[in-house]
Amino acid sequence: MLEELKKIREALEKPAPPAPPKGLWKEFLDFLAKYQVMGLAVAFIIGLYLGNLVKALVSDLLLPAIGLVVPGLTNLASYTVAVGKQSFLLGDFLIYLITFIIVAFVVFLIVKIVKRWNIL
């Protein structure tokens, strides 16, 4: 019975953590693997270019289409509001706001599709 209790105790004890790799190069490779740095870098680069793509879509296609529907908004980027002697450039802010909403929606759809396909 004591032998069985020793086996149970050994099974329940946590194993010792693995020794950290020795040498700068091995530590660097362990860092890359542990924190998935390459995947993060790829996601960052793809996200950066996806943002540029959506910005071009908004400023080159969607805003001119809105300008056709709403008279007076032919060039939203130069839209300004004057308050006293100060003028505020609201056009660029509106373009970036619309771009952010579209990028956030696209990322939402991608995450939804990935979850449905059980990739994550």
PDB file of N, CA and C in Angstrom:
ATOM      1  N   MET A   1       0.827  -1.189   0.000  1.00  0.00           N
ATOM      2  CA  MET A   1       0.000   0.000   0.000  1.00  0.00           C
ATOM      3  C   MET A   1       0.877   1.260   0.000  1.00  0.00           C
ATOM      4  N   LEU A   2       1.979   1.235   0.734  1.00  0.00           N
ATOM      5  CA  LEU A   2       2.877   2.373   0.742  1.00  0.00           C
ATOM      6  C   LEU A   2       3.476   2.615  -0.645  1.00  0.00           C
ATOM      7  N   GLU A   3       3.742   1.532  -1.332  1.00  0.00           N
ATOM      8  CA  GLU A   3       4.274   1.666  -2.693  1.00  0.00           C
ATOM      9  C   GLU A   3       3.271   2.380  -3.592  1.00  0.00           C
ATOM     10  N   GLU A   4       1.992   2.043  -3.453  1.00  0.00           N
ATOM     11  CA  GLU A   4       0.960   2.693  -4.268  1.00  0.00           C
ATOM     12  C   GLU A   4       0.837   4.167  -3.921  1.00  0.00           C
ATOM     13  N   LEU A   5       0.931   4.527  -2.651  1.00  0.00           N
ATOM     14  CA  LEU A   5       0.877   5.925  -2.234  1.00  0.00           C
ATOM     15  C   LEU A   5       2.074   6.696  -2.781  1.00  0.00           C
ATOM     16  N   LYS A   6       3.257   6.079  -2.807  1.00  0.00           N
ATOM     17  CA  LYS A   6       4.429   6.734  -3.381  1.00  0.00           C
ATOM     18  C   LYS A   6       4.241   6.980  -4.868  1.00  0.00           C
ATOM     19  N   LYS A   7       3.652   6.014  -5.554  1.00  0.00           N
ATOM     20  CA  LYS A   7       3.397   6.175  -6.994  1.00  0.00           C
ATOM     21  C   LYS A   7       2.406   7.306  -7.235  1.00  0.00           C
ATOM     22  N   ILE A   8       1.373   7.376  -6.393  1.00  0.00           N
ATOM     23  CA  ILE A   8       0.380   8.443  -6.535  1.00  0.00           C
ATOM     24  C   ILE A   8       1.028   9.799  -6.260  1.00  0.00           C
ATOM     25  N   ARG A   9       1.868   9.877  -5.217  1.00  0.00           N
ATOM     26  CA  ARG A   9       2.553  11.122  -4.900  1.00  0.00           C
ATOM     27  C   ARG A   9       3.462  11.549  -6.045  1.00  0.00           C
ATOM     28  N   GLU A  10       4.196  10.628  -6.613  1.00  0.00           N
ATOM     29  CA  GLU A  10       5.073  10.939  -7.736  1.00  0.00           C
ATOM     30  C   GLU A  10       4.285  11.411  -8.948  1.00  0.00           C
ATOM     31  N   ALA A  11       3.107  10.812  -9.159  1.00  0.00           N
ATOM     32  CA  ALA A  11       2.277  11.205 -10.299  1.00  0.00           C
ATOM     33  C   ALA A  11       1.713  12.610 -10.109  1.00  0.00           C
ATOM     34  N   LEU A  12       1.427  12.981  -8.865  1.00  0.00           N
ATOM     35  CA  LEU A  12       0.827  14.287  -8.595  1.00  0.00           C
ATOM     36  C   LEU A  12       1.843  15.412  -8.506  1.00  0.00           C
ATOM     37  N   GLU A  13       3.091  15.087  -8.203  1.00  0.00           N
ATOM     38  CA  GLU A  13       4.108  16.124  -8.103  1.00  0.00           C
ATOM     39  C   GLU A  13       4.402  16.712  -9.473  1.00  0.00           C
ATOM     40  N   LYS A  14       4.624  18.014  -9.477  1.00  0.00           N
ATOM     41  CA  LYS A  14       4.932  18.691 -10.732  1.00  0.00           C
ATOM     42  C   LYS A  14       6.351  18.362 -11.141  1.00  0.00           C
ATOM     43  N   PRO A  15       6.546  18.121 -12.415  1.00  0.00           N
ATOM     44  CA  PRO A  15       7.922  17.879 -12.859  1.00  0.00           C
ATOM     45  C   PRO A  15       8.717  19.183 -12.804  1.00  0.00           C
ATOM     46  N   ALA A  16       9.997  19.045 -12.668  1.00  0.00           N
ATOM     47  CA  ALA A  16      10.863  20.218 -12.624  1.00  0.00           C
ATOM     48  C   ALA A  16      10.810  20.937 -13.966  1.00  0.00           C
ATOM     49  N   PRO A  17      10.802  22.270 -13.944  1.00  0.00           N
ATOM     50  CA  PRO A  17      10.772  23.000 -15.223  1.00  0.00           C
ATOM     51  C   PRO A  17      12.047  22.718 -16.006  1.00  0.00           C
ATOM     52  N   PRO A  18      11.924  22.747 -17.330  1.00  0.00           N
ATOM     53  CA  PRO A  18      13.121  22.483 -18.126  1.00  0.00           C
ATOM     54  C   PRO A  18      14.159  23.581 -17.925  1.00  0.00           C
ATOM     55  N   ALA A  19      15.389  23.180 -18.013  1.00  0.00           N
ATOM     56  CA  ALA A  19      16.478  24.134 -17.829  1.00  0.00           C
ATOM     57  C   ALA A  19      16.478  25.124 -18.993  1.00  0.00           C
ATOM     58  N   PRO A  20      16.728  26.393 -18.709  1.00  0.00           N
ATOM     59  CA  PRO A  20      16.760  27.369 -19.807  1.00  0.00           C
ATOM     60  C   PRO A  20      17.929  27.052 -20.738  1.00  0.00           C
ATOM     61  N   PRO A  21      17.761  27.343 -22.007  1.00  0.00           N
ATOM     62  CA  PRO A  21      18.834  27.042 -22.951  1.00  0.00           C
ATOM     63  C   PRO A  21      20.082  27.867 -22.651  1.00  0.00           C
ATOM     64  N   LYS A  22      21.204  27.271 -22.946  1.00  0.00           N
ATOM     65  CA  LYS A  22      22.475  27.952 -22.700  1.00  0.00           C
ATOM     66  C   LYS A  22      22.982  28.549 -23.995  1.00  0.00           C
ATOM     67  N   GLY A  23      23.499  29.725 -23.901  1.00  0.00           N
ATOM     68  CA  GLY A  23      24.031  30.400 -25.071  1.00  0.00           C
ATOM     69  C   GLY A  23      23.034  31.405 -25.618  1.00  0.00           C
ATOM     70  N   LEU A  24      23.558  32.488 -26.120  1.00  0.00           N
ATOM     71  CA  LEU A  24      22.714  33.582 -26.618  1.00  0.00           C
ATOM     72  C   LEU A  24      21.868  33.146 -27.802  1.00  0.00           C
ATOM     73  N   TRP A  25      22.444  32.412 -28.741  1.00  0.00           N
ATOM     74  CA  TRP A  25      21.702  31.995 -29.936  1.00  0.00           C
ATOM     75  C   TRP A  25      20.549  31.061 -29.567  1.00  0.00           C
ATOM     76  N   LYS A  26      20.791  30.111 -28.664  1.00  0.00           N
ATOM     77  CA  LYS A  26      19.731  29.187 -28.249  1.00  0.00           C
ATOM     78  C   LYS A  26      18.644  29.914 -27.475  1.00  0.00           C
ATOM     79  N   GLU A  27      19.032  30.883 -26.640  1.00  0.00           N
ATOM     80  CA  GLU A  27      18.031  31.685 -25.932  1.00  0.00           C
ATOM     81  C   GLU A  27      17.181  32.485 -26.910  1.00  0.00           C
ATOM     82  N   PHE A  28      17.831  33.021 -27.938  1.00  0.00           N
ATOM     83  CA  PHE A  28      17.102  33.787 -28.947  1.00  0.00           C
ATOM     84  C   PHE A  28      16.112  32.897 -29.692  1.00  0.00           C
ATOM     85  N   LEU A  29      16.533  31.708 -30.088  1.00  0.00           N
ATOM     86  CA  LEU A  29      15.624  30.784 -30.775  1.00  0.00           C
ATOM     87  C   LEU A  29      14.484  30.353 -29.865  1.00  0.00           C
ATOM     88  N   ASP A  30      14.778  30.149 -28.576  1.00  0.00           N
ATOM     89  CA  ASP A  30      13.724  29.809 -27.620  1.00  0.00           C
ATOM     90  C   ASP A  30      12.731  30.963 -27.481  1.00  0.00           C
ATOM     91  N   PHE A  31      13.236  32.191 -27.461  1.00  0.00           N
ATOM     92  CA  PHE A  31      12.368  33.371 -27.396  1.00  0.00           C
ATOM     93  C   PHE A  31      11.452  33.436 -28.614  1.00  0.00           C
ATOM     94  N   LEU A  32      12.012  33.203 -29.808  1.00  0.00           N
ATOM     95  CA  LEU A  32      11.201  33.242 -31.024  1.00  0.00           C
ATOM     96  C   LEU A  32      10.115  32.176 -31.000  1.00  0.00           C
ATOM     97  N   ALA A  33      10.453  30.989 -30.530  1.00  0.00           N
ATOM     98  CA  ALA A  33       9.473  29.903 -30.501  1.00  0.00           C
ATOM     99  C   ALA A  33       8.433  30.116 -29.403  1.00  0.00           C
ATOM    100  N   LYS A  34       8.887  30.548 -28.240  1.00  0.00           N
ATOM    101  CA  LYS A  34       7.981  30.682 -27.101  1.00  0.00           C
ATOM    102  C   LYS A  34       6.940  31.772 -27.314  1.00  0.00           C
ATOM    103  N   TYR A  35       7.355  32.905 -27.839  1.00  0.00           N
ATOM    104  CA  TYR A  35       6.445  34.030 -27.993  1.00  0.00           C
ATOM    105  C   TYR A  35       5.898  34.160 -29.411  1.00  0.00           C
ATOM    106  N   GLN A  36       6.201  33.228 -30.271  1.00  0.00           N
ATOM    107  CA  GLN A  36       5.698  33.194 -31.647  1.00  0.00           C
ATOM    108  C   GLN A  36       5.896  34.542 -32.340  1.00  0.00           C
ATOM    109  N   VAL A  37       7.107  35.017 -32.290  1.00  0.00           N
ATOM    110  CA  VAL A  37       7.438  36.334 -32.812  1.00  0.00           C
ATOM    111  C   VAL A  37       7.221  36.398 -34.326  1.00  0.00           C
ATOM    112  N   MET A  38       7.540  35.330 -35.020  1.00  0.00           N
ATOM    113  CA  MET A  38       7.378  35.357 -36.479  1.00  0.00           C
ATOM    114  C   MET A  38       5.905  35.485 -36.861  1.00  0.00           C
ATOM    115  N   GLY A  39       5.035  34.781 -36.172  1.00  0.00           N
ATOM    116  CA  GLY A  39       3.609  34.901 -36.444  1.00  0.00           C
ATOM    117  C   GLY A  39       3.092  36.292 -36.154  1.00  0.00           C
ATOM    118  N   LEU A  40       3.589  36.880 -35.077  1.00  0.00           N
ATOM    119  CA  LEU A  40       3.204  38.245 -34.728  1.00  0.00           C
ATOM    120  C   LEU A  40       3.679  39.233 -35.782  1.00  0.00           C
ATOM    121  N   ALA A  41       4.907  39.045 -36.272  1.00  0.00           N
ATOM    122  CA  ALA A  41       5.442  39.938 -37.298  1.00  0.00           C
ATOM    123  C   ALA A  41       4.648  39.823 -38.591  1.00  0.00           C
ATOM    124  N   VAL A  42       4.311  38.611 -38.976  1.00  0.00           N
ATOM    125  CA  VAL A  42       3.520  38.414 -40.197  1.00  0.00           C
ATOM    126  C   VAL A  42       2.144  39.055 -40.042  1.00  0.00           C
ATOM    127  N   ALA A  43       1.515  38.864 -38.894  1.00  0.00           N
ATOM    128  CA  ALA A  43       0.196  39.467 -38.659  1.00  0.00           C
ATOM    129  C   ALA A  43       0.275  40.987 -38.694  1.00  0.00           C
ATOM    130  N   PHE A  44       1.333  41.556 -38.131  1.00  0.00           N
ATOM    131  CA  PHE A  44       1.501  43.006 -38.146  1.00  0.00           C
ATOM    132  C   PHE A  44       1.644  43.530 -39.570  1.00  0.00           C
ATOM    133  N   ILE A  45       2.479  42.873 -40.362  1.00  0.00           N
ATOM    134  CA  ILE A  45       2.706  43.320 -41.745  1.00  0.00           C
ATOM    135  C   ILE A  45       1.428  43.198 -42.561  1.00  0.00           C
ATOM    136  N   ILE A  46       0.730  42.084 -42.419  1.00  0.00           N
ATOM    137  CA  ILE A  46      -0.523  41.915 -43.170  1.00  0.00           C
ATOM    138  C   ILE A  46      -1.547  42.951 -42.718  1.00  0.00           C
ATOM    139  N   GLY A  47      -1.626  43.202 -41.414  1.00  0.00           N
ATOM    140  CA  GLY A  47      -2.559  44.206 -40.907  1.00  0.00           C
ATOM    141  C   GLY A  47      -2.228  45.603 -41.409  1.00  0.00           C
ATOM    142  N   LEU A  48      -0.948  45.908 -41.503  1.00  0.00           N
ATOM    143  CA  LEU A  48      -0.524  47.211 -42.006  1.00  0.00           C
ATOM    144  C   LEU A  48      -0.979  47.411 -43.451  1.00  0.00           C
ATOM    145  N   TYR A  49      -0.744  46.412 -44.280  1.00  0.00           N
ATOM    146  CA  TYR A  49      -1.129  46.548 -45.685  1.00  0.00           C
ATOM    147  C   TYR A  49      -2.634  46.421 -45.886  1.00  0.00           C
ATOM    148  N   LEU A  50      -3.308  45.675 -45.016  1.00  0.00           N
ATOM    149  CA  LEU A  50      -4.764  45.639 -45.078  1.00  0.00           C
ATOM    150  C   LEU A  50      -5.328  47.017 -44.757  1.00  0.00           C
ATOM    151  N   GLY A  51      -4.734  47.694 -43.778  1.00  0.00           N
ATOM    152  CA  GLY A  51      -5.166  49.057 -43.446  1.00  0.00           C
ATOM    153  C   GLY A  51      -4.956  50.015 -44.606  1.00  0.00           C
ATOM    154  N   ASN A  52      -3.813  49.899 -45.281  1.00  0.00           N
ATOM    155  CA  ASN A  52      -3.564  50.759 -46.446  1.00  0.00           C
ATOM    156  C   ASN A  52      -4.545  50.467 -47.571  1.00  0.00           C
ATOM    157  N   LEU A  53      -4.852  49.194 -47.762  1.00  0.00           N
ATOM    158  CA  LEU A  53      -5.809  48.811 -48.800  1.00  0.00           C
ATOM    159  C   LEU A  53      -7.192  49.385 -48.508  1.00  0.00           C
ATOM    160  N   VAL A  54      -7.618  49.264 -47.264  1.00  0.00           N
ATOM    161  CA  VAL A  54      -8.943  49.789 -46.906  1.00  0.00           C
ATOM    162  C   VAL A  54      -8.951  51.310 -46.974  1.00  0.00           C
ATOM    163  N   LYS A  55      -7.849  51.950 -46.594  1.00  0.00           N
ATOM    164  CA  LYS A  55      -7.780  53.413 -46.705  1.00  0.00           C
ATOM    165  C   LYS A  55      -7.931  53.856 -48.154  1.00  0.00           C
ATOM    166  N   ALA A  56      -7.263  53.154 -49.066  1.00  0.00           N
ATOM    167  CA  ALA A  56      -7.396  53.476 -50.483  1.00  0.00           C
ATOM    168  C   ALA A  56      -8.823  53.213 -50.961  1.00  0.00           C
ATOM    169  N   LEU A  57      -9.426  52.130 -50.497  1.00  0.00           N
ATOM    170  CA  LEU A  57     -10.813  51.832 -50.865  1.00  0.00           C
ATOM    171  C   LEU A  57     -11.742  52.956 -50.415  1.00  0.00           C
ATOM    172  N   VAL A  58     -11.563  53.412 -49.194  1.00  0.00           N
ATOM    173  CA  VAL A  58     -12.438  54.463 -48.668  1.00  0.00           C
ATOM    174  C   VAL A  58     -12.203  55.776 -49.397  1.00  0.00           C
ATOM    175  N   SER A  59     -10.944  56.214 -49.510  1.00  0.00           N
ATOM    176  CA  SER A  59     -10.684  57.538 -50.075  1.00  0.00           C
ATOM    177  C   SER A  59     -10.856  57.585 -51.590  1.00  0.00           C
ATOM    178  N   ASP A  60     -10.632  56.462 -52.290  1.00  0.00           N
ATOM    179  CA  ASP A  60     -10.695  56.489 -53.751  1.00  0.00           C
ATOM    180  C   ASP A  60     -12.018  56.001 -54.325  1.00  0.00           C
ATOM    181  N   LEU A  61     -12.746  55.168 -53.582  1.00  0.00           N
ATOM    182  CA  LEU A  61     -13.992  54.626 -54.126  1.00  0.00           C
ATOM    183  C   LEU A  61     -15.235  55.032 -53.337  1.00  0.00           C
ATOM    184  N   LEU A  62     -15.202  54.848 -52.030  1.00  0.00           N
ATOM    185  CA  LEU A  62     -16.412  55.099 -51.248  1.00  0.00           C
ATOM    186  C   LEU A  62     -16.726  56.586 -51.091  1.00  0.00           C
ATOM    187  N   LEU A  63     -15.726  57.389 -50.781  1.00  0.00           N
ATOM    188  CA  LEU A  63     -16.000  58.818 -50.584  1.00  0.00           C
ATOM    189  C   LEU A  63     -16.427  59.519 -51.867  1.00  0.00           C
ATOM    190  N   PRO A  64     -15.846  59.220 -53.031  1.00  0.00           N
ATOM    191  CA  PRO A  64     -16.401  59.815 -54.248  1.00  0.00           C
ATOM    192  C   PRO A  64     -17.845  59.370 -54.520  1.00  0.00           C
ATOM    193  N   ALA A  65     -18.167  58.118 -54.164  1.00  0.00           N
ATOM    194  CA  ALA A  65     -19.553  57.663 -54.327  1.00  0.00           C
ATOM    195  C   ALA A  65     -20.479  58.418 -53.387  1.00  0.00           C
ATOM    196  N   ILE A  66     -20.018  58.671 -52.165  1.00  0.00           N
ATOM    197  CA  ILE A  66     -20.814  59.473 -51.233  1.00  0.00           C
ATOM    198  C   ILE A  66     -20.949  60.897 -51.757  1.00  0.00           C
ATOM    199  N   GLY A  67     -19.894  61.408 -52.382  1.00  0.00           N
ATOM    200  CA  GLY A  67     -19.937  62.750 -52.966  1.00  0.00           C
ATOM    201  C   GLY A  67     -20.950  62.855 -54.089  1.00  0.00           C
ATOM    202  N   LEU A  68     -21.191  61.760 -54.811  1.00  0.00           N
ATOM    203  CA  LEU A  68     -22.225  61.773 -55.851  1.00  0.00           C
ATOM    204  C   LEU A  68     -23.623  61.842 -55.251  1.00  0.00           C
ATOM    205  N   VAL A  69     -23.805  61.173 -54.117  1.00  0.00           N
ATOM    206  CA  VAL A  69     -25.131  61.115 -53.492  1.00  0.00           C
ATOM    207  C   VAL A  69     -25.426  62.384 -52.707  1.00  0.00           C
ATOM    208  N   VAL A  70     -24.432  62.871 -51.959  1.00  0.00           N
ATOM    209  CA  VAL A  70     -24.615  64.051 -51.117  1.00  0.00           C
ATOM    210  C   VAL A  70     -23.959  65.236 -51.815  1.00  0.00           C
ATOM    211  N   PRO A  71     -24.740  66.170 -52.333  1.00  0.00           N
ATOM    212  CA  PRO A  71     -24.137  67.316 -53.003  1.00  0.00           C
ATOM    213  C   PRO A  71     -23.369  68.180 -52.002  1.00  0.00           C
ATOM    214  N   GLY A  72     -22.247  68.690 -52.423  1.00  0.00           N
ATOM    215  CA  GLY A  72     -21.438  69.540 -51.569  1.00  0.00           C
ATOM    216  C   GLY A  72     -20.308  68.800 -50.875  1.00  0.00           C
ATOM    217  N   LEU A  73     -20.300  67.480 -50.946  1.00  0.00           N
ATOM    218  CA  LEU A  73     -19.220  66.699 -50.340  1.00  0.00           C
ATOM    219  C   LEU A  73     -18.361  66.064 -51.430  1.00  0.00           C
ATOM    220  N   THR A  74     -18.023  66.829 -52.427  1.00  0.00           N
ATOM    221  CA  THR A  74     -17.222  66.266 -53.513  1.00  0.00           C
ATOM    222  C   THR A  74     -15.805  65.938 -53.062  1.00  0.00           C
ATOM    223  N   ASN A  75     -15.251  66.728 -52.151  1.00  0.00           N
ATOM    224  CA  ASN A  75     -13.905  66.454 -51.651  1.00  0.00           C
ATOM    225  C   ASN A  75     -13.946  66.531 -50.135  1.00  0.00           C
ATOM    226  N   LEU A  76     -14.181  65.396 -49.509  1.00  0.00           N
ATOM    227  CA  LEU A  76     -14.336  65.362 -48.061  1.00  0.00           C
ATOM    228  C   LEU A  76     -13.027  65.663 -47.341  1.00  0.00           C
ATOM    229  N   ALA A  77     -11.890  65.347 -47.951  1.00  0.00           N
ATOM    230  CA  ALA A  77     -10.600  65.545 -47.292  1.00  0.00           C
ATOM    231  C   ALA A  77     -10.340  67.018 -46.995  1.00  0.00           C
ATOM    232  N   SER A  78     -10.875  67.923 -47.804  1.00  0.00           N
ATOM    233  CA  SER A  78     -10.632  69.351 -47.570  1.00  0.00           C
ATOM    234  C   SER A  78     -11.761  70.004 -46.772  1.00  0.00           C
ATOM    235  N   TYR A  79     -12.638  69.216 -46.170  1.00  0.00           N
ATOM    236  CA  TYR A  79     -13.759  69.737 -45.395  1.00  0.00           C
ATOM    237  C   TYR A  79     -13.238  70.358 -44.108  1.00  0.00           C
ATOM    238  N   THR A  80     -13.534  71.625 -43.889  1.00  0.00           N
ATOM    239  CA  THR A  80     -13.090  72.333 -42.684  1.00  0.00           C
ATOM    240  C   THR A  80     -14.272  73.017 -42.021  1.00  0.00           C
ATOM    241  N   VAL A  81     -14.124  73.231 -40.730  1.00  0.00           N
ATOM    242  CA  VAL A  81     -15.127  73.960 -39.958  1.00  0.00           C
ATOM    243  C   VAL A  81     -14.405  75.117 -39.283  1.00  0.00           C
ATOM    244  N   ALA A  82     -14.918  76.335 -39.466  1.00  0.00           N
ATOM    245  CA  ALA A  82     -14.293  77.521 -38.878  1.00  0.00           C
ATOM    246  C   ALA A  82     -15.075  77.944 -37.639  1.00  0.00           C
ATOM    247  N   VAL A  83     -14.343  78.100 -36.540  1.00  0.00           N
ATOM    248  CA  VAL A  83     -14.919  78.589 -35.298  1.00  0.00           C
ATOM    249  C   VAL A  83     -14.083  79.795 -34.894  1.00  0.00           C
ATOM    250  N   GLY A  84     -14.663  80.969 -35.056  1.00  0.00           N
ATOM    251  CA  GLY A  84     -13.917  82.190 -34.801  1.00  0.00           C
ATOM    252  C   GLY A  84     -12.796  82.317 -35.824  1.00  0.00           C
ATOM    253  N   LYS A  85     -11.583  82.495 -35.330  1.00  0.00           N
ATOM    254  CA  LYS A  85     -10.436  82.603 -36.236  1.00  0.00           C
ATOM    255  C   LYS A  85      -9.754  81.259 -36.460  1.00  0.00           C
ATOM    256  N   GLN A  86     -10.214  80.241 -35.757  1.00  0.00           N
ATOM    257  CA  GLN A  86      -9.594  78.916 -35.853  1.00  0.00           C
ATOM    258  C   GLN A  86     -10.402  78.027 -36.797  1.00  0.00           C
ATOM    259  N   SER A  87      -9.701  77.296 -37.653  1.00  0.00           N
ATOM    260  CA  SER A  87     -10.387  76.345 -38.529  1.00  0.00           C
ATOM    261  C   SER A  87      -9.937  74.935 -38.181  1.00  0.00           C
ATOM    262  N   PHE A  88     -10.892  74.012 -38.222  1.00  0.00           N
ATOM    263  CA  PHE A  88     -10.640  72.612 -37.898  1.00  0.00           C
ATOM    264  C   PHE A  88     -10.793  71.780 -39.163  1.00  0.00           C
ATOM    265  N   LEU A  89      -9.802  70.956 -39.442  1.00  0.00           N
ATOM    266  CA  LEU A  89      -9.836  70.081 -40.614  1.00  0.00           C
ATOM    267  C   LEU A  89     -10.533  68.780 -40.238  1.00  0.00           C
ATOM    268  N   LEU A  90     -11.810  68.730 -40.449  1.00  0.00           N
ATOM    269  CA  LEU A  90     -12.578  67.551 -40.079  1.00  0.00           C
ATOM    270  C   LEU A  90     -12.573  66.485 -41.166  1.00  0.00           C
ATOM    271  N   GLY A  91     -12.240  66.835 -42.381  1.00  0.00           N
ATOM    272  CA  GLY A  91     -12.304  65.886 -43.487  1.00  0.00           C
ATOM    273  C   GLY A  91     -11.390  64.696 -43.298  1.00  0.00           C
ATOM    274  N   ASP A  92     -10.116  64.940 -42.963  1.00  0.00           N
ATOM    275  CA  ASP A  92      -9.187  63.837 -42.749  1.00  0.00           C
ATOM    276  C   ASP A  92      -9.627  62.958 -41.588  1.00  0.00           C
ATOM    277  N   PHE A  93     -10.121  63.595 -40.518  1.00  0.00           N
ATOM    278  CA  PHE A  93     -10.598  62.826 -39.380  1.00  0.00           C
ATOM    279  C   PHE A  93     -11.750  61.915 -39.792  1.00  0.00           C
ATOM    280  N   LEU A  94     -12.684  62.438 -40.575  1.00  0.00           N
ATOM    281  CA  LEU A  94     -13.810  61.614 -41.023  1.00  0.00           C
ATOM    282  C   LEU A  94     -13.342  60.462 -41.912  1.00  0.00           C
ATOM    283  N   ILE A  95     -12.354  60.722 -42.768  1.00  0.00           N
ATOM    284  CA  ILE A  95     -11.819  59.655 -43.620  1.00  0.00           C
ATOM    285  C   ILE A  95     -11.194  58.563 -42.758  1.00  0.00           C
ATOM    286  N   TYR A  96     -10.390  58.957 -41.774  1.00  0.00           N
ATOM    287  CA  TYR A  96      -9.761  57.960 -40.902  1.00  0.00           C
ATOM    288  C   TYR A  96     -10.781  57.231 -40.042  1.00  0.00           C
ATOM    289  N   LEU A  97     -11.827  57.919 -39.627  1.00  0.00           N
ATOM    290  CA  LEU A  97     -12.877  57.277 -38.840  1.00  0.00           C
ATOM    291  C   LEU A  97     -13.602  56.226 -39.680  1.00  0.00           C
ATOM    292  N   ILE A  98     -13.974  56.576 -40.896  1.00  0.00           N
ATOM    293  CA  ILE A  98     -14.642  55.620 -41.787  1.00  0.00           C
ATOM    294  C   ILE A  98     -13.718  54.445 -42.086  1.00  0.00           C
ATOM    295  N   THR A  99     -12.434  54.721 -42.317  1.00  0.00           N
ATOM    296  CA  THR A  99     -11.462  53.662 -42.582  1.00  0.00           C
ATOM    297  C   THR A  99     -11.337  52.738 -41.379  1.00  0.00           C
ATOM    298  N   PHE A 100     -11.261  53.299 -40.178  1.00  0.00           N
ATOM    299  CA  PHE A 100     -11.153  52.473 -38.976  1.00  0.00           C
ATOM    300  C   PHE A 100     -12.365  51.569 -38.818  1.00  0.00           C
ATOM    301  N   ILE A 101     -13.542  52.100 -39.039  1.00  0.00           N
ATOM    302  CA  ILE A 101     -14.761  51.300 -38.894  1.00  0.00           C
ATOM    303  C   ILE A 101     -14.754  50.144 -39.891  1.00  0.00           C
ATOM    304  N   ILE A 102     -14.348  50.409 -41.115  1.00  0.00           N
ATOM    305  CA  ILE A 102     -14.321  49.348 -42.126  1.00  0.00           C
ATOM    306  C   ILE A 102     -13.258  48.311 -41.789  1.00  0.00           C
ATOM    307  N   VAL A 103     -12.054  48.735 -41.358  1.00  0.00           N
ATOM    308  CA  VAL A 103     -11.002  47.781 -40.994  1.00  0.00           C
ATOM    309  C   VAL A 103     -11.449  46.939 -39.801  1.00  0.00           C
ATOM    310  N   ALA A 104     -12.048  47.560 -38.804  1.00  0.00           N
ATOM    311  CA  ALA A 104     -12.524  46.816 -37.636  1.00  0.00           C
ATOM    312  C   ALA A 104     -13.581  45.800 -38.041  1.00  0.00           C
ATOM    313  N   PHE A 105     -14.455  46.164 -38.968  1.00  0.00           N
ATOM    314  CA  PHE A 105     -15.493  45.239 -39.420  1.00  0.00           C
ATOM    315  C   PHE A 105     -14.879  44.082 -40.196  1.00  0.00           C
ATOM    316  N   VAL A 106     -13.885  44.360 -41.034  1.00  0.00           N
ATOM    317  CA  VAL A 106     -13.221  43.293 -41.795  1.00  0.00           C
ATOM    318  C   VAL A 106     -12.504  42.338 -40.846  1.00  0.00           C
ATOM    319  N   VAL A 107     -11.810  42.860 -39.848  1.00  0.00           N
ATOM    320  CA  VAL A 107     -11.135  41.999 -38.873  1.00  0.00           C
ATOM    321  C   VAL A 107     -12.158  41.176 -38.106  1.00  0.00           C
ATOM    322  N   PHE A 108     -13.286  41.765 -37.742  1.00  0.00           N
ATOM    323  CA  PHE A 108     -14.363  41.038 -37.074  1.00  0.00           C
ATOM    324  C   PHE A 108     -14.844  39.882 -37.937  1.00  0.00           C
ATOM    325  N   LEU A 109     -15.046  40.136 -39.227  1.00  0.00           N
ATOM    326  CA  LEU A 109     -15.497  39.059 -40.116  1.00  0.00           C
ATOM    327  C   LEU A 109     -14.447  37.956 -40.240  1.00  0.00           C
ATOM    328  N   ILE A 110     -13.177  38.333 -40.321  1.00  0.00           N
ATOM    329  CA  ILE A 110     -12.110  37.331 -40.416  1.00  0.00           C
ATOM    330  C   ILE A 110     -12.083  36.461 -39.164  1.00  0.00           C
ATOM    331  N   VAL A 111     -12.178  37.073 -37.991  1.00  0.00           N
ATOM    332  CA  VAL A 111     -12.175  36.308 -36.745  1.00  0.00           C
ATOM    333  C   VAL A 111     -13.392  35.390 -36.683  1.00  0.00           C
ATOM    334  N   LYS A 112     -14.535  35.887 -37.129  1.00  0.00           N
ATOM    335  CA  LYS A 112     -15.752  35.077 -37.115  1.00  0.00           C
ATOM    336  C   LYS A 112     -15.614  33.859 -38.035  1.00  0.00           C
ATOM    337  N   ILE A 113     -15.043  34.057 -39.213  1.00  0.00           N
ATOM    338  CA  ILE A 113     -14.841  32.957 -40.150  1.00  0.00           C
ATOM    339  C   ILE A 113     -13.832  31.954 -39.594  1.00  0.00           C
ATOM    340  N   VAL A 114     -12.748  32.458 -38.998  1.00  0.00           N
ATOM    341  CA  VAL A 114     -11.726  31.563 -38.429  1.00  0.00           C
ATOM    342  C   VAL A 114     -12.318  30.728 -37.298  1.00  0.00           C
ATOM    343  N   LYS A 115     -13.142  31.332 -36.452  1.00  0.00           N
ATOM    344  CA  LYS A 115     -13.778  30.571 -35.368  1.00  0.00           C
ATOM    345  C   LYS A 115     -14.733  29.519 -35.940  1.00  0.00           C
ATOM    346  N   ARG A 116     -15.464  29.871 -36.994  1.00  0.00           N
ATOM    347  CA  ARG A 116     -16.397  28.912 -37.580  1.00  0.00           C
ATOM    348  C   ARG A 116     -15.659  27.729 -38.191  1.00  0.00           C
ATOM    349  N   TRP A 117     -14.496  27.969 -38.750  1.00  0.00           N
ATOM    350  CA  TRP A 117     -13.692  26.890 -39.355  1.00  0.00           C
ATOM    351  C   TRP A 117     -12.843  26.156 -38.316  1.00  0.00           C
ATOM    352  N   ASN A 118     -12.933  26.564 -37.066  1.00  0.00           N
ATOM    353  CA  ASN A 118     -12.175  25.960 -35.968  1.00  0.00           C
ATOM    354  C   ASN A 118     -10.673  25.977 -36.201  1.00  0.00           C
ATOM    355  N   ILE A 119     -10.186  27.072 -36.733  1.00  0.00           N
ATOM    356  CA  ILE A 119      -8.749  27.208 -36.942  1.00  0.00           C
ATOM    357  C   ILE A 119      -8.065  27.635 -35.655  1.00  0.00           C
ATOM    358  N   LEU A 120      -8.724  28.478 -34.850  1.00  0.00           N
ATOM    359  CA  LEU A 120      -8.132  28.931 -33.586  1.00  0.00           C
ATOM    360  C   LEU A 120      -8.417  27.941 -32.486  1.00  0.00           C
TER     361      LEU A 120
END
